[in-house]
Amino acid sequence: MRSIPAGDRTLTVNGVGDLAATHFTSNATFTFHFVDVSIPAGYYDAATGLRGSALLIALHNIIKGHTRHRLQRDGGVLPAHRQASGR
């Protein structure tokens, strides 16, 4: 697996055609934002060895306060409390 550092990356494509070779790109630019999705050391330590309701409470305490996001139809991300336009 190749490691890509977190941050913005830009890809510019020229001369790539569709399957019918009727349309070709000319300086098509795509921007990607990579995030670090590794789990920090010790992140789940509070839940280790627990079962039942104690495990549920420990997991709740680990994730409470997170920011919930949802994907838009076009692939963009909005915070969950906002609604996509035209919905």
C-alpha atoms as a PDB file:
ATOM      1  CA  MET A   1       0.000   0.000   0.000  1.00  0.00           C
ATOM      2  CA  ARG A   2       1.294   3.433  -0.923  1.00  0.00           C
ATOM      3  CA  SER A   3       1.090   6.155   1.701  1.00  0.00           C
ATOM      4  CA  ILE A   4      -0.137   9.556   0.524  1.00  0.00           C
ATOM      5  CA  PRO A   5       0.394  12.411   2.973  1.00  0.00           C
ATOM      6  CA  ALA A   6      -2.687  14.397   3.957  1.00  0.00           C
ATOM      7  CA  GLY A   7      -3.315  17.547   1.925  1.00  0.00           C
ATOM      8  CA  ASP A   8      -4.566  18.780  -1.433  1.00  0.00           C
ATOM      9  CA  ARG A   9      -3.445  17.214  -4.703  1.00  0.00           C
ATOM     10  CA  THR A  10      -4.217  18.310  -8.254  1.00  0.00           C
ATOM     11  CA  LEU A  11      -4.350  16.048 -11.300  1.00  0.00           C
ATOM     12  CA  THR A  12      -4.320  17.557 -14.794  1.00  0.00           C
ATOM     13  CA  VAL A  13      -5.192  15.284 -17.721  1.00  0.00           C
ATOM     14  CA  ASN A  14      -4.601  15.858 -21.425  1.00  0.00           C
ATOM     15  CA  GLY A  15      -5.472  13.694 -24.419  1.00  0.00           C
ATOM     16  CA  VAL A  16      -7.445  10.980 -22.635  1.00  0.00           C
ATOM     17  CA  GLY A  17     -10.383   9.822 -24.744  1.00  0.00           C
ATOM     18  CA  ASP A  18     -13.675   8.102 -24.077  1.00  0.00           C
ATOM     19  CA  LEU A  19     -14.275   4.506 -25.180  1.00  0.00           C
ATOM     20  CA  ALA A  20     -15.477   5.595 -28.625  1.00  0.00           C
ATOM     21  CA  ALA A  21     -12.452   7.891 -29.011  1.00  0.00           C
ATOM     22  CA  THR A  22     -14.764  10.756 -29.951  1.00  0.00           C
ATOM     23  CA  HIS A  23     -14.095  13.056 -26.985  1.00  0.00           C
ATOM     24  CA  PHE A  24     -10.672  13.895 -25.579  1.00  0.00           C
ATOM     25  CA  THR A  25      -9.658  15.910 -22.544  1.00  0.00           C
ATOM     26  CA  SER A  26      -7.776  19.153 -22.829  1.00  0.00           C
ATOM     27  CA  ASN A  27      -6.316  20.343 -19.532  1.00  0.00           C
ATOM     28  CA  ALA A  28      -9.021  18.701 -17.428  1.00  0.00           C
ATOM     29  CA  THR A  29      -8.051  19.438 -13.828  1.00  0.00           C
ATOM     30  CA  PHE A  30      -9.274  17.561 -10.764  1.00  0.00           C
ATOM     31  CA  THR A  31      -8.476  18.522  -7.195  1.00  0.00           C
ATOM     32  CA  PHE A  32      -8.472  15.946  -4.405  1.00  0.00           C
ATOM     33  CA  HIS A  33      -8.201  16.424  -0.659  1.00  0.00           C
ATOM     34  CA  PHE A  34      -6.591  13.561   1.223  1.00  0.00           C
ATOM     35  CA  VAL A  35      -7.087  13.172   4.958  1.00  0.00           C
ATOM     36  CA  ASP A  36      -5.203  11.095   7.479  1.00  0.00           C
ATOM     37  CA  VAL A  37      -7.540   8.235   8.385  1.00  0.00           C
ATOM     38  CA  SER A  38      -5.179   6.339  10.653  1.00  0.00           C
ATOM     39  CA  ILE A  39      -6.423   5.566  14.152  1.00  0.00           C
ATOM     40  CA  PRO A  40      -4.263   7.323  16.753  1.00  0.00           C
ATOM     41  CA  ALA A  41      -2.414   5.097  19.219  1.00  0.00           C
ATOM     42  CA  GLY A  42      -4.570   4.545  22.303  1.00  0.00           C
ATOM     43  CA  TYR A  43      -7.773   5.757  20.646  1.00  0.00           C
ATOM     44  CA  TYR A  44      -9.788   2.691  21.727  1.00  0.00           C
ATOM     45  CA  ASP A  45      -7.962   2.004  24.999  1.00  0.00           C
ATOM     46  CA  ALA A  46     -10.987   3.069  27.083  1.00  0.00           C
ATOM     47  CA  ALA A  47     -13.050   0.275  25.456  1.00  0.00           C
ATOM     48  CA  THR A  48     -10.492  -2.523  25.721  1.00  0.00           C
ATOM     49  CA  GLY A  49     -11.769  -5.561  27.600  1.00  0.00           C
ATOM     50  CA  LEU A  50     -15.298  -4.200  28.072  1.00  0.00           C
ATOM     51  CA  ARG A  51     -18.547  -5.941  27.161  1.00  0.00           C
ATOM     52  CA  GLY A  52     -22.225  -5.096  26.982  1.00  0.00           C
ATOM     53  CA  SER A  53     -23.437  -1.723  28.185  1.00  0.00           C
ATOM     54  CA  ALA A  54     -20.007  -0.760  29.551  1.00  0.00           C
ATOM     55  CA  LEU A  55     -18.583  -1.210  26.021  1.00  0.00           C
ATOM     56  CA  LEU A  56     -21.416   0.817  24.471  1.00  0.00           C
ATOM     57  CA  ILE A  57     -20.881   3.653  26.945  1.00  0.00           C
ATOM     58  CA  ALA A  58     -17.105   3.650  26.387  1.00  0.00           C
ATOM     59  CA  LEU A  59     -17.539   3.757  22.590  1.00  0.00           C
ATOM     60  CA  HIS A  60     -20.130   6.528  22.913  1.00  0.00           C
ATOM     61  CA  ASN A  61     -17.701   8.566  25.014  1.00  0.00           C
ATOM     62  CA  ILE A  62     -14.951   8.044  22.418  1.00  0.00           C
ATOM     63  CA  ILE A  63     -17.019   9.330  19.493  1.00  0.00           C
ATOM     64  CA  LYS A  64     -19.232  11.967  21.136  1.00  0.00           C
ATOM     65  CA  GLY A  65     -18.395  15.423  19.926  1.00  0.00           C
ATOM     66  CA  HIS A  66     -17.436  14.248  16.422  1.00  0.00           C
ATOM     67  CA  THR A  67     -18.562  16.189  13.369  1.00  0.00           C
ATOM     68  CA  ARG A  68     -21.017  14.237  11.266  1.00  0.00           C
ATOM     69  CA  HIS A  69     -20.893  14.710   7.491  1.00  0.00           C
ATOM     70  CA  ARG A  70     -22.968  13.409   4.621  1.00  0.00           C
ATOM     71  CA  LEU A  71     -22.273  13.237   0.907  1.00  0.00           C
ATOM     72  CA  GLN A  72     -24.134  15.339  -1.633  1.00  0.00           C
ATOM     73  CA  ARG A  73     -25.366  13.848  -4.884  1.00  0.00           C
ATOM     74  CA  ASP A  74     -22.411  15.439  -6.696  1.00  0.00           C
ATOM     75  CA  GLY A  75     -19.930  13.853  -4.293  1.00  0.00           C
ATOM     76  CA  GLY A  76     -19.332  16.958  -2.189  1.00  0.00           C
ATOM     77  CA  VAL A  77     -19.531  16.848   1.601  1.00  0.00           C
ATOM     78  CA  LEU A  78     -21.792  18.942   3.799  1.00  0.00           C
ATOM     79  CA  PRO A  79     -22.146  18.925   7.586  1.00  0.00           C
ATOM     80  CA  ALA A  80     -25.157  16.776   8.462  1.00  0.00           C
ATOM     81  CA  HIS A  81     -27.230  19.692   9.802  1.00  0.00           C
ATOM     82  CA  ARG A  82     -27.256  21.429   6.380  1.00  0.00           C
ATOM     83  CA  GLN A  83     -29.413  20.292   3.499  1.00  0.00           C
ATOM     84  CA  ALA A  84     -28.264  20.085  -0.111  1.00  0.00           C
ATOM     85  CA  SER A  85     -30.024  22.571  -2.377  1.00  0.00           C
ATOM     86  CA  GLY A  86     -32.807  21.186  -4.549  1.00  0.00           C
ATOM     87  CA  ARG A  87     -33.702  18.508  -2.064  1.00  0.00           C
END
